Each structure stands twice: as C-alpha cells, then as structure tokens.
Amino acid sequence: MFITVRFGEDKQQIFNPNCVIKILLQHIKKKCNCDKNDIVELSDETGSVKNLHSNLTDYGTEYFSERETLILLRVEKYAEGEDERLVYIPLLEGMDEDEEFIQKLNPNPKPGLSAGKSRPFSKPRGSLDSDEIKLSKTKKAMLTPKFNKPINKRTSLRNLTSSLTKRF
C-alpha cells in the first residue's frame, strides 16, 4: 500500500502509510522540504481534511485507501479570545486559488482572515531564486563543505590537502 502526496510546484512524493501517523508526518515534512516547526496535515483532492493530528498513535493504513492521492497542508493556529481556530493552507501551488477547495478546508473563516491565504507559498529548503544563483556565481570565495574554510583561486591542491590532513 502507498499514498501519493502532492506539494510545491506540482511535485509529488510516494509514502508508505503502514506506520504510526506521528512518524509518517515527520517523514512527509522531511521529504517535502517543510520547515522543522511547521505543523502539516493531509487532505484529499476535494478538500476533506484527514485530521491526523488527533490520532498520532494510530497506523496510517486506517485512514488512507490504497493509492490515494493527497494534498499537503500547513496548519496555522489563530487565537481570538479563548477560541482557537485552525486554518489549513495548501502547500500545492495553485490550490489556494481554488475557492471550493479552500472553502471545504476552512468552512467558517473568521472575519478579516483570508482562509488559506495568510502566508504566501514558501519555497522548499535548498531551492534558489535566480537572484541567489547570480549572487553565488559572482562570489569570489567558495567554502569547503566540511570545514567552512574560505578557498580562493590561488589555493593549490597541495595546500588544501595538507590543511585537511592536519585536522585529522
């Protein structure tokens, strides 16, 4: 059994839900490049939220059907007085424009709160904008991945290897 999770710019990832939901959600966050502190949830393609956070110790196979396709959601909590409201924001680009989908995710939004549009789509970790690519190409010094030691173009291979062997 597997499920397909859609996210980002029409990306999709396959997961095995035959594990505890808490572990499944952690793995989904990692593979889908979510922030460590994000709370994620899943919904089907019509907008029905699975409410997995209320059943973290259950197995995922109890909540999904074979080969089901799901949409990754970020959960944001809003407090107004003593009431707390969860707002689900789709992390699949373009879904925030589907009014029917957003209405089903967040049926009764509070006044002044735009359901599903509180924060723009965040780019996945490790991706670069075109401006960042230009900046990285124009940098004069590069960093070695293990030691974060600056290397300029004049550093010879011999100097580099001798400095590395001194550290061990």
Protein backbone atom coordinates (compact mmCIF):
# COMPACT_ATOMS: atom_id res chain seq x y z
CA MET A 1 0.00 0.00 0.00
CA PHE A 2 1.19 3.53 -0.73
CA ILE A 3 -0.15 7.07 -0.85
CA THR A 4 0.91 9.97 -3.06
CA VAL A 5 1.37 13.41 -1.51
CA ARG A 6 1.27 16.44 -3.82
CA PHE A 7 3.07 19.65 -2.82
CA GLY A 8 5.13 22.58 -4.11
CA GLU A 9 5.15 23.35 -7.81
CA ASP A 10 3.18 20.25 -8.83
CA LYS A 11 5.62 17.87 -7.16
CA GLN A 12 4.56 14.54 -5.72
CA GLN A 13 6.13 12.00 -3.40
CA ILE A 14 5.10 8.43 -2.58
CA PHE A 15 4.88 7.28 1.07
CA ASN A 16 4.14 4.01 2.84
CA PRO A 17 1.42 4.69 5.46
CA ASN A 18 2.00 1.34 7.23
CA CYS A 19 3.48 3.07 10.30
CA VAL A 20 2.42 5.26 13.21
CA ILE A 21 0.96 8.57 11.96
CA LYS A 22 3.42 10.67 14.00
CA ILE A 23 6.36 9.06 12.17
CA LEU A 24 4.58 9.30 8.81
CA LEU A 25 4.02 13.06 9.26
CA GLN A 26 7.64 13.61 10.31
CA HIS A 27 8.83 11.76 7.21
CA ILE A 28 6.46 13.73 4.98
CA LYS A 29 7.78 17.02 6.42
CA LYS A 30 11.34 15.94 5.75
CA LYS A 31 10.80 14.67 2.19
CA CYS A 32 8.56 17.57 1.16
CA ASN A 33 11.04 20.21 2.39
CA CYS A 34 8.81 21.69 5.09
CA ASP A 35 10.23 23.72 7.94
CA LYS A 36 11.01 21.77 11.09
CA ASN A 37 8.47 23.78 13.12
CA ASP A 38 5.63 23.53 10.59
CA ILE A 39 2.57 21.55 11.52
CA VAL A 40 1.43 19.57 8.50
CA GLU A 41 -1.80 17.78 7.67
CA LEU A 42 -3.20 15.98 4.65
CA SER A 43 -6.45 16.32 2.73
CA ASP A 44 -7.91 14.51 -0.22
CA GLU A 45 -8.19 16.32 -3.55
CA THR A 46 -11.69 17.58 -2.73
CA GLY A 47 -10.57 19.34 0.47
CA SER A 48 -11.62 16.84 3.16
CA VAL A 49 -9.02 17.11 5.92
CA LYS A 50 -7.83 13.78 7.37
CA ASN A 51 -7.34 15.20 10.94
CA LEU A 52 -4.30 13.03 11.53
CA HIS A 53 -3.02 15.07 14.49
CA SER A 54 -5.86 13.86 16.66
CA ASN A 55 -4.75 10.23 16.03
CA LEU A 56 -0.94 10.33 16.15
CA THR A 57 -0.57 6.87 17.70
CA ASP A 58 -2.76 5.07 15.15
CA TYR A 59 -1.43 3.46 12.00
CA GLY A 60 -1.82 5.42 8.77
CA THR A 61 -3.34 2.44 6.94
CA GLU A 62 -6.53 3.01 8.97
CA TYR A 63 -7.04 6.47 7.42
CA PHE A 64 -5.97 6.06 3.79
CA SER A 65 -7.15 4.00 0.89
CA GLU A 66 -4.81 2.16 -1.49
CA ARG A 67 -3.01 4.53 -3.90
CA GLU A 68 -4.81 7.59 -2.56
CA THR A 69 -3.61 11.00 -3.74
CA LEU A 70 -3.44 13.67 -1.05
CA ILE A 71 -2.63 17.37 -0.79
CA LEU A 72 -0.07 18.56 1.77
CA LEU A 73 -1.38 21.27 4.10
CA ARG A 74 0.26 23.57 6.61
CA VAL A 75 -1.74 24.13 9.80
CA GLU A 76 -1.76 27.57 11.38
CA LYS A 77 -3.38 28.31 14.72
CA TYR A 78 -5.16 31.58 15.38
CA ALA A 79 -6.39 32.58 18.81
CA GLU A 80 -9.17 35.07 19.28
CA GLY A 81 -10.01 35.45 22.94
CA GLU A 82 -10.38 31.94 24.36
CA ASP A 83 -11.23 30.41 20.99
CA GLU A 84 -8.53 28.82 18.91
CA ARG A 85 -9.05 28.22 15.22
CA LEU A 86 -7.01 26.02 12.89
CA VAL A 87 -6.55 27.30 9.36
CA TYR A 88 -5.35 24.88 6.69
CA ILE A 89 -3.15 26.26 3.92
CA PRO A 90 -2.46 24.06 0.89
CA LEU A 91 1.24 23.68 0.05
CA LEU A 92 0.47 22.72 -3.53
CA GLU A 93 0.93 25.80 -5.65
CA GLY A 94 -2.28 26.98 -7.31
CA MET A 95 -4.64 25.26 -4.87
CA ASP A 96 -5.04 28.46 -2.83
CA GLU A 97 -6.90 29.91 -5.83
CA ASP A 98 -9.46 27.07 -5.88
CA GLU A 99 -12.27 28.70 -3.88
CA GLU A 100 -14.28 25.48 -3.50
CA PHE A 101 -11.26 23.59 -2.15
CA ILE A 102 -10.38 26.40 0.31
CA GLN A 103 -13.99 26.67 1.48
CA LYS A 104 -14.10 22.95 2.25
CA LEU A 105 -10.75 23.13 4.10
CA ASN A 106 -11.77 26.15 6.17
CA PRO A 107 -15.59 26.26 6.24
CA ASN A 108 -16.11 29.25 8.57
CA PRO A 109 -13.19 31.66 8.48
CA LYS A 110 -13.14 34.49 11.00
CA PRO A 111 -13.84 37.98 9.67
CA GLY A 112 -10.71 39.69 8.44
CA LEU A 113 -8.89 36.37 7.92
CA SER A 114 -8.46 35.25 4.37
CA ALA A 115 -8.83 31.48 4.51
CA GLY A 116 -5.83 29.70 3.14
CA LYS A 117 -4.03 32.87 2.07
CA SER A 118 -2.40 34.10 5.28
CA ARG A 119 1.13 33.47 4.06
CA PRO A 120 2.40 33.11 0.52
CA PHE A 121 3.71 29.78 -0.67
CA SER A 122 7.14 29.25 0.79
CA LYS A 123 9.81 27.85 -1.45
CA PRO A 124 11.26 24.50 -0.41
CA ARG A 125 14.53 24.37 1.52
CA GLY A 126 17.60 24.25 -0.65
CA SER A 127 16.00 25.91 -3.67
CA LEU A 128 17.48 29.11 -5.03
CA ASP A 129 15.92 32.14 -6.64
CA SER A 130 17.51 33.45 -9.83
CA ASP A 131 18.93 36.38 -7.81
CA GLU A 132 20.57 33.96 -5.36
CA ILE A 133 22.06 31.97 -8.24
CA LYS A 134 23.55 35.15 -9.73
CA LEU A 135 24.94 36.08 -6.31
CA SER A 136 26.52 32.67 -5.79
CA LYS A 137 28.17 32.82 -9.24
CA THR A 138 29.72 36.21 -8.52
CA LYS A 139 31.20 35.29 -5.13
CA LYS A 140 34.98 35.31 -5.20
CA ALA A 141 35.49 32.91 -2.29
CA MET A 142 33.99 29.46 -2.01
CA LEU A 143 33.60 27.42 1.18
CA THR A 144 34.60 23.83 1.66
CA PRO A 145 31.58 21.81 2.78
CA LYS A 146 33.18 20.16 5.83
CA PHE A 147 35.24 22.91 7.36
CA ASN A 148 33.71 26.17 6.11
CA LYS A 149 37.21 27.38 5.30
CA PRO A 150 37.43 30.02 2.58
CA ILE A 151 39.34 28.98 -0.52
CA ASN A 152 40.39 31.45 -3.19
CA LYS A 153 41.50 30.58 -6.70
CA ARG A 154 45.21 30.71 -5.77
CA THR A 155 45.00 27.92 -3.22
CA SER A 156 46.69 24.91 -4.65
CA LEU A 157 45.53 21.36 -4.27
CA ARG A 158 48.66 20.59 -2.22
CA ASN A 159 47.87 23.34 0.30
CA LEU A 160 44.29 22.20 0.54
CA THR A 161 45.16 18.55 1.15
CA SER A 162 47.86 19.43 3.69
CA SER A 163 45.44 21.60 5.63
CA LEU A 164 42.87 18.81 5.63
CA THR A 165 45.33 16.19 6.83
CA LYS A 166 46.47 18.45 9.69
CA ARG A 167 42.91 18.47 11.03
CA PHE A 168 42.82 14.69 11.34
